[in-house]
């Protein structure tokens, strides 16, 4: 039998993918020159990044985290190195992006951008809502500022 309305869409056999969580963003004003802010973010990453967001709990304690143009990884206490995320953009000290490859935040994305201003450096963090929140809270605590 012909459909009653010829313009009615055919039912799809393939289910629609679930919509992605909307991106979140946070901004922190750092009382530092852009070069110093860049150093705090990257060179001291192992001191402030919430390791449990990208590593299983048993590996997070004592892990030394790093992020560069090649990727985002960790050296564990036993000496093993793991790549935890791929760097999808690297224009540091202006900005960088990553996509988490494993661990609790697998598939999450994060972008960090720094820009100088009269009050210091504005650090914008955007991406997966849960990861953005964990990273911004942890970095603000490390810097001794409120967010």
N, C-alpha and C. Protein backbone atom coordinates (compact mmCIF):
# COMPACT_ATOMS: atom_id res chain seq x y z
N UNK A 1 0.84 -1.17 0.00
CA UNK A 1 0.00 0.00 0.00
C UNK A 1 0.89 1.23 0.00
N UNK A 2 0.52 2.26 -0.75
CA UNK A 2 1.27 3.51 -0.80
C UNK A 2 1.05 4.31 0.47
N UNK A 3 2.09 5.04 0.90
CA UNK A 3 1.89 5.87 2.10
C UNK A 3 0.83 6.93 1.82
N UNK A 4 0.14 7.29 2.86
CA UNK A 4 -0.93 8.27 2.75
C UNK A 4 -0.40 9.62 2.28
N UNK A 5 0.75 9.99 2.79
CA UNK A 5 1.36 11.25 2.39
C UNK A 5 2.67 10.95 1.67
N UNK A 6 2.77 11.35 0.43
CA UNK A 6 3.95 11.02 -0.36
C UNK A 6 5.20 11.76 0.12
N UNK A 7 5.03 12.85 0.85
CA UNK A 7 6.19 13.62 1.32
C UNK A 7 6.66 13.18 2.71
N UNK A 8 6.02 12.19 3.28
CA UNK A 8 6.43 11.70 4.60
C UNK A 8 7.78 11.02 4.48
N UNK A 9 8.71 11.30 5.38
CA UNK A 9 10.04 10.67 5.31
C UNK A 9 9.94 9.18 5.63
N UNK A 10 10.79 8.42 4.99
CA UNK A 10 10.89 6.99 5.26
C UNK A 10 11.54 6.80 6.63
N UNK A 11 11.07 5.84 7.40
CA UNK A 11 11.73 5.60 8.69
C UNK A 11 13.16 5.14 8.46
N UNK A 12 14.06 5.60 9.31
CA UNK A 12 15.47 5.28 9.20
C UNK A 12 15.77 4.00 9.96
N UNK A 13 16.52 3.10 9.31
CA UNK A 13 16.92 1.87 9.98
C UNK A 13 18.10 2.11 10.91
N UNK A 14 18.84 3.19 10.66
CA UNK A 14 20.01 3.52 11.48
C UNK A 14 19.59 4.51 12.56
N UNK A 15 19.80 4.16 13.82
CA UNK A 15 19.43 5.11 14.89
C UNK A 15 20.28 6.37 14.83
N UNK A 16 19.69 7.46 15.22
CA UNK A 16 20.39 8.74 15.29
C UNK A 16 21.41 8.67 16.43
N UNK A 17 22.64 9.19 16.21
CA UNK A 17 23.60 9.20 17.32
C UNK A 17 23.13 10.16 18.41
N UNK A 18 23.47 9.82 19.63
CA UNK A 18 23.12 10.69 20.76
C UNK A 18 23.84 12.02 20.61
N UNK A 19 23.15 13.12 20.90
CA UNK A 19 23.83 14.41 20.79
C UNK A 19 24.97 14.51 21.79
N UNK A 20 26.04 15.14 21.36
CA UNK A 20 27.20 15.34 22.23
C UNK A 20 26.84 16.34 23.32
N UNK A 21 27.47 16.19 24.46
CA UNK A 21 27.25 17.15 25.54
C UNK A 21 27.72 18.52 25.07
N UNK A 22 26.97 19.55 25.40
CA UNK A 22 27.40 20.87 24.96
C UNK A 22 28.75 21.23 25.57
N UNK A 23 29.54 21.94 24.82
CA UNK A 23 30.86 22.35 25.30
C UNK A 23 30.70 23.34 26.44
N UNK A 24 31.61 23.30 27.35
CA UNK A 24 31.64 24.23 28.47
C UNK A 24 32.87 25.10 28.33
N UNK A 25 32.88 26.22 29.02
CA UNK A 25 34.08 27.06 29.03
C UNK A 25 34.19 27.77 30.37
N UNK A 26 35.42 28.00 30.75
CA UNK A 26 35.76 28.73 31.98
C UNK A 26 36.90 29.66 31.63
N UNK A 27 36.96 30.78 32.29
CA UNK A 27 38.06 31.72 32.10
C UNK A 27 38.66 32.07 33.45
N UNK A 28 39.98 32.11 33.47
CA UNK A 28 40.71 32.48 34.68
C UNK A 28 41.61 33.66 34.35
N UNK A 29 41.62 34.66 35.20
CA UNK A 29 42.54 35.78 35.03
C UNK A 29 43.74 35.53 35.94
N UNK A 30 44.90 35.42 35.31
CA UNK A 30 46.12 35.12 36.04
C UNK A 30 46.95 36.39 36.21
N UNK A 31 47.43 36.66 37.40
CA UNK A 31 48.23 37.87 37.63
C UNK A 31 49.67 37.68 37.16
N UNK A 32 49.81 37.21 35.92
CA UNK A 32 51.12 36.90 35.36
C UNK A 32 51.21 37.41 33.92
N UNK A 33 52.43 37.65 33.47
CA UNK A 33 52.65 37.94 32.06
C UNK A 33 52.34 36.67 31.26
N UNK A 34 51.98 36.80 29.99
CA UNK A 34 51.64 35.61 29.19
C UNK A 34 52.72 34.53 29.21
N UNK A 35 53.99 34.92 29.18
CA UNK A 35 55.07 33.93 29.19
C UNK A 35 55.09 33.14 30.50
N UNK A 36 54.84 33.83 31.61
CA UNK A 36 54.82 33.17 32.91
C UNK A 36 53.59 32.27 33.04
N UNK A 37 52.47 32.71 32.50
CA UNK A 37 51.25 31.89 32.52
C UNK A 37 51.47 30.61 31.72
N UNK A 38 52.10 30.73 30.57
CA UNK A 38 52.39 29.57 29.73
C UNK A 38 53.29 28.59 30.46
N UNK A 39 54.27 29.11 31.17
CA UNK A 39 55.17 28.26 31.94
C UNK A 39 54.40 27.54 33.06
N UNK A 40 53.51 28.24 33.74
CA UNK A 40 52.73 27.63 34.81
C UNK A 40 51.85 26.50 34.28
N UNK A 41 51.25 26.70 33.13
CA UNK A 41 50.36 25.69 32.57
C UNK A 41 51.13 24.46 32.13
N UNK A 42 52.16 24.63 31.33
CA UNK A 42 52.85 23.49 30.72
C UNK A 42 53.99 22.94 31.57
N UNK A 43 54.90 23.80 32.01
CA UNK A 43 56.08 23.30 32.74
C UNK A 43 55.74 22.72 34.11
N UNK A 44 54.66 23.17 34.72
CA UNK A 44 54.28 22.68 36.04
C UNK A 44 53.01 21.85 35.99
N UNK A 45 52.66 21.36 34.81
CA UNK A 45 51.45 20.56 34.61
C UNK A 45 51.35 19.41 35.61
N UNK A 46 52.45 18.76 35.88
CA UNK A 46 52.46 17.61 36.79
C UNK A 46 52.09 18.00 38.22
N UNK A 47 52.18 19.28 38.55
CA UNK A 47 51.86 19.73 39.91
C UNK A 47 50.38 20.08 40.08
N UNK A 48 49.67 20.35 38.98
CA UNK A 48 48.30 20.82 39.15
C UNK A 48 47.24 20.03 38.38
N UNK A 49 47.59 19.35 37.29
CA UNK A 49 46.57 18.67 36.49
C UNK A 49 45.92 17.57 37.32
N UNK A 50 44.58 17.47 37.29
CA UNK A 50 43.90 16.41 38.04
C UNK A 50 44.14 15.05 37.38
N UNK A 51 45.17 14.36 37.81
CA UNK A 51 45.60 13.11 37.17
C UNK A 51 44.49 12.08 37.09
N UNK A 52 43.61 12.04 38.06
CA UNK A 52 42.54 11.04 38.06
C UNK A 52 41.56 11.26 36.91
N UNK A 53 41.61 12.41 36.24
CA UNK A 53 40.72 12.64 35.10
C UNK A 53 41.17 11.89 33.87
N UNK A 54 42.44 11.52 33.80
CA UNK A 54 42.97 10.84 32.62
C UNK A 54 43.63 9.50 32.95
N UNK A 55 43.79 9.19 34.22
CA UNK A 55 44.41 7.94 34.65
C UNK A 55 43.50 7.20 35.61
N UNK A 56 43.58 5.90 35.61
CA UNK A 56 42.87 5.12 36.62
C UNK A 56 43.48 5.46 37.98
N UNK A 57 42.69 5.36 39.02
CA UNK A 57 43.11 5.78 40.37
C UNK A 57 44.42 5.16 40.80
N UNK A 58 44.63 3.89 40.52
CA UNK A 58 45.85 3.22 40.98
C UNK A 58 47.10 3.79 40.32
N UNK A 59 46.96 4.39 39.13
CA UNK A 59 48.12 4.95 38.43
C UNK A 59 48.30 6.45 38.67
N UNK A 60 47.27 7.14 39.12
CA UNK A 60 47.31 8.60 39.22
C UNK A 60 48.30 9.10 40.27
N UNK A 61 48.37 8.42 41.41
CA UNK A 61 49.28 8.85 42.47
C UNK A 61 50.72 8.69 42.00
N UNK A 62 51.47 9.76 42.07
CA UNK A 62 52.89 9.70 41.72
C UNK A 62 53.19 9.81 40.24
N UNK A 63 52.17 9.93 39.39
CA UNK A 63 52.42 10.05 37.95
C UNK A 63 52.94 11.45 37.62
N UNK A 64 53.89 11.51 36.72
CA UNK A 64 54.43 12.79 36.24
C UNK A 64 53.82 13.05 34.86
N UNK A 65 52.93 14.06 34.78
CA UNK A 65 52.22 14.36 33.54
C UNK A 65 53.00 15.37 32.71
N UNK A 66 52.84 15.28 31.38
CA UNK A 66 53.48 16.23 30.46
C UNK A 66 52.56 16.44 29.26
N UNK A 67 52.70 17.59 28.61
CA UNK A 67 51.93 17.91 27.41
C UNK A 67 52.82 18.71 26.50
N UNK A 68 52.93 18.26 25.26
CA UNK A 68 53.70 18.98 24.25
C UNK A 68 53.06 18.75 22.88
N UNK A 69 53.72 19.18 21.83
CA UNK A 69 53.18 19.06 20.48
C UNK A 69 52.96 17.60 20.08
N UNK A 70 53.68 16.68 20.70
CA UNK A 70 53.58 15.26 20.36
C UNK A 70 52.41 14.56 21.05
N UNK A 71 51.96 15.10 22.16
CA UNK A 71 50.86 14.46 22.89
C UNK A 71 50.84 14.84 24.35
N UNK A 72 49.96 14.20 25.07
CA UNK A 72 49.78 14.40 26.50
C UNK A 72 49.98 13.04 27.14
N UNK A 73 50.89 12.95 28.09
CA UNK A 73 51.17 11.63 28.65
C UNK A 73 51.56 11.67 30.10
N UNK A 74 51.91 10.49 30.57
CA UNK A 74 52.31 10.34 31.97
C UNK A 74 53.44 9.34 32.06
N UNK A 75 54.36 9.65 32.96
CA UNK A 75 55.36 8.67 33.34
C UNK A 75 54.95 8.19 34.72
N UNK A 76 54.70 6.89 34.84
CA UNK A 76 54.23 6.31 36.09
C UNK A 76 55.40 6.06 37.03
N UNK A 77 55.09 5.83 38.29
CA UNK A 77 56.14 5.59 39.29
C UNK A 77 57.04 4.42 38.91
N UNK A 78 56.51 3.42 38.22
CA UNK A 78 57.31 2.25 37.85
C UNK A 78 58.15 2.48 36.59
N UNK A 79 58.11 3.71 36.04
CA UNK A 79 58.92 4.06 34.89
C UNK A 79 58.23 3.92 33.54
N UNK A 80 57.06 3.29 33.51
CA UNK A 80 56.33 3.16 32.25
C UNK A 80 55.78 4.51 31.81
N UNK A 81 55.82 4.75 30.50
CA UNK A 81 55.25 5.98 29.94
C UNK A 81 53.98 5.63 29.18
N UNK A 82 52.97 6.45 29.34
CA UNK A 82 51.69 6.25 28.67
C UNK A 82 51.31 7.51 27.91
N UNK A 83 50.81 7.35 26.69
CA UNK A 83 50.22 8.49 26.00
C UNK A 83 48.74 8.46 26.33
N UNK A 84 48.26 9.52 26.96
CA UNK A 84 46.89 9.59 27.44
C UNK A 84 45.97 10.37 26.51
N UNK A 85 46.56 11.28 25.74
CA UNK A 85 45.75 12.10 24.84
C UNK A 85 46.60 12.47 23.64
N UNK A 86 45.91 12.77 22.56
CA UNK A 86 46.63 13.27 21.39
C UNK A 86 46.49 14.79 21.36
N UNK A 87 47.56 15.45 21.00
CA UNK A 87 47.51 16.90 20.83
C UNK A 87 46.92 17.15 19.45
N UNK A 88 45.79 17.84 19.41
CA UNK A 88 45.14 18.11 18.14
C UNK A 88 45.48 19.49 17.60
N UNK A 89 46.02 20.34 18.45
CA UNK A 89 46.48 21.67 18.05
C UNK A 89 47.58 22.08 19.02
N UNK A 90 48.66 22.66 18.49
CA UNK A 90 49.73 23.13 19.36
C UNK A 90 50.25 24.46 18.83
N UNK A 91 49.84 25.52 19.46
CA UNK A 91 50.30 26.88 19.15
C UNK A 91 50.74 27.54 20.44
N UNK A 92 51.35 26.74 21.32
CA UNK A 92 51.70 27.26 22.64
C UNK A 92 52.81 28.28 22.53
N UNK A 93 52.73 29.41 23.18
CA UNK A 93 51.97 29.72 24.38
C UNK A 93 50.59 30.32 24.13
N UNK A 94 50.17 30.45 22.88
CA UNK A 94 48.85 31.03 22.62
C UNK A 94 47.71 30.06 22.89
N UNK A 95 47.91 28.79 22.57
CA UNK A 95 46.84 27.83 22.79
C UNK A 95 47.22 26.43 22.38
N UNK A 96 46.43 25.47 22.85
CA UNK A 96 46.63 24.07 22.53
C UNK A 96 45.33 23.32 22.78
N UNK A 97 45.17 22.20 22.07
CA UNK A 97 43.99 21.36 22.24
C UNK A 97 44.41 19.90 22.32
N UNK A 98 43.59 19.12 23.01
CA UNK A 98 43.86 17.69 23.10
C UNK A 98 42.56 16.91 23.06
N UNK A 99 42.69 15.61 22.75
CA UNK A 99 41.58 14.66 22.82
C UNK A 99 42.07 13.47 23.63
N UNK A 100 41.37 13.18 24.72
CA UNK A 100 41.77 12.11 25.64
C UNK A 100 41.55 10.75 24.98
N UNK A 101 42.58 9.91 25.03
CA UNK A 101 42.54 8.60 24.38
C UNK A 101 42.14 7.46 25.31
N UNK A 102 42.33 7.63 26.61
CA UNK A 102 42.08 6.54 27.55
C UNK A 102 41.70 7.10 28.91
N UNK A 103 41.34 6.21 29.80
CA UNK A 103 41.04 6.61 31.17
C UNK A 103 39.62 7.11 31.34
N UNK A 104 39.33 7.65 32.51
CA UNK A 104 37.97 8.07 32.83
C UNK A 104 37.37 9.11 31.88
N UNK A 105 38.20 9.95 31.27
CA UNK A 105 37.68 11.01 30.39
C UNK A 105 37.86 10.66 28.91
N UNK A 106 37.98 9.37 28.58
CA UNK A 106 38.22 8.96 27.20
C UNK A 106 37.24 9.62 26.24
N UNK A 107 37.78 10.19 25.15
CA UNK A 107 36.97 10.85 24.14
C UNK A 107 36.74 12.33 24.40
N UNK A 108 37.02 12.78 25.60
CA UNK A 108 36.79 14.19 25.94
C UNK A 108 37.82 15.07 25.21
N UNK A 109 37.42 16.29 24.93
CA UNK A 109 38.32 17.26 24.30
C UNK A 109 38.50 18.45 25.23
N UNK A 110 39.64 19.11 25.07
CA UNK A 110 39.93 20.28 25.89
C UNK A 110 40.80 21.22 25.09
N UNK A 111 40.49 22.50 25.15
CA UNK A 111 41.30 23.54 24.52
C UNK A 111 41.64 24.58 25.56
N UNK A 112 42.90 25.01 25.57
CA UNK A 112 43.33 26.08 26.47
C UNK A 112 43.93 27.19 25.62
N UNK A 113 43.51 28.43 25.85
CA UNK A 113 44.01 29.59 25.13
C UNK A 113 44.42 30.66 26.14
N UNK A 114 45.54 31.29 25.88
CA UNK A 114 46.04 32.36 26.77
C UNK A 114 46.17 33.65 25.97
N UNK A 115 45.74 34.75 26.57
CA UNK A 115 45.89 36.05 25.93
C UNK A 115 46.22 37.09 27.00
N UNK A 116 47.16 37.97 26.68
CA UNK A 116 47.58 39.00 27.61
C UNK A 116 46.59 40.15 27.66
N UNK A 117 46.52 40.79 28.80
CA UNK A 117 45.64 41.93 28.97
C UNK A 117 46.15 42.81 30.09
N UNK A 118 45.42 43.88 30.39
CA UNK A 118 45.88 44.82 31.41
C UNK A 118 45.90 44.23 32.82
N UNK A 119 45.09 43.22 33.08
CA UNK A 119 45.01 42.61 34.40
C UNK A 119 45.96 41.43 34.55
N UNK A 120 46.63 41.05 33.48
CA UNK A 120 47.48 39.86 33.50
C UNK A 120 47.18 39.03 32.27
N UNK A 121 47.02 37.74 32.45
CA UNK A 121 46.75 36.83 31.34
C UNK A 121 45.40 36.17 31.55
N UNK A 122 44.59 36.18 30.51
CA UNK A 122 43.30 35.49 30.54
C UNK A 122 43.52 34.10 29.98
N UNK A 123 43.23 33.08 30.77
CA UNK A 123 43.34 31.69 30.33
C UNK A 123 41.93 31.17 30.13
N UNK A 124 41.59 30.85 28.89
CA UNK A 124 40.28 30.30 28.55
C UNK A 124 40.41 28.79 28.37
N UNK A 125 39.54 28.05 29.03
CA UNK A 125 39.54 26.59 28.97
C UNK A 125 38.16 26.16 28.46
N UNK A 126 38.13 25.37 27.39
CA UNK A 126 36.85 24.96 26.80
C UNK A 126 36.90 23.50 26.40
N UNK A 127 35.72 22.89 26.34
CA UNK A 127 35.62 21.50 25.90
C UNK A 127 34.60 20.73 26.70
N UNK A 128 34.91 19.46 26.96
CA UNK A 128 34.04 18.56 27.71
C UNK A 128 33.72 19.18 29.07
N UNK A 129 32.43 19.32 29.43
CA UNK A 129 32.07 20.02 30.67
C UNK A 129 32.75 19.51 31.93
N UNK A 130 32.78 18.21 32.12
CA UNK A 130 33.38 17.67 33.35
C UNK A 130 34.89 17.91 33.39
N UNK A 131 35.56 17.71 32.26
CA UNK A 131 37.00 17.91 32.21
C UNK A 131 37.36 19.39 32.37
N UNK A 132 36.59 20.28 31.75
CA UNK A 132 36.83 21.71 31.89
C UNK A 132 36.73 22.12 33.36
N UNK A 133 35.73 21.63 34.03
CA UNK A 133 35.54 21.99 35.44
C UNK A 133 36.70 21.47 36.30
N UNK A 134 37.07 20.20 36.11
CA UNK A 134 38.16 19.63 36.91
C UNK A 134 39.46 20.38 36.67
N UNK A 135 39.77 20.67 35.41
CA UNK A 135 41.03 21.33 35.07
C UNK A 135 41.04 22.77 35.59
N UNK A 136 39.94 23.50 35.41
CA UNK A 136 39.93 24.90 35.85
C UNK A 136 40.00 25.01 37.37
N UNK A 137 39.29 24.16 38.08
CA UNK A 137 39.34 24.18 39.55
C UNK A 137 40.74 23.84 40.04
N UNK A 138 41.33 22.81 39.46
CA UNK A 138 42.66 22.38 39.88
C UNK A 138 43.72 23.45 39.59
N UNK A 139 43.66 24.06 38.40
CA UNK A 139 44.65 25.08 38.07
C UNK A 139 44.46 26.33 38.92
N UNK A 140 43.21 26.74 39.16
CA UNK A 140 42.95 27.91 40.02
C UNK A 140 43.50 27.67 41.42
N UNK A 141 43.29 26.45 41.94
CA UNK A 141 43.81 26.12 43.27
C UNK A 141 45.34 26.21 43.28
N UNK A 142 45.97 25.66 42.24
CA UNK A 142 47.43 25.70 42.12
C UNK A 142 47.95 27.14 42.10
N UNK A 143 47.24 28.02 41.38
CA UNK A 143 47.65 29.42 41.25
C UNK A 143 47.23 30.28 42.43
N UNK A 144 46.39 29.74 43.32
CA UNK A 144 45.95 30.51 44.48
C UNK A 144 44.94 31.58 44.14
N UNK A 145 44.14 31.32 43.09
CA UNK A 145 43.11 32.29 42.69
C UNK A 145 41.74 31.62 42.76
N UNK A 146 40.69 32.42 42.79
CA UNK A 146 39.34 31.85 42.78
C UNK A 146 38.83 31.87 41.34
N UNK A 147 37.99 30.91 41.04
CA UNK A 147 37.42 30.88 39.69
C UNK A 147 35.94 30.91 39.72
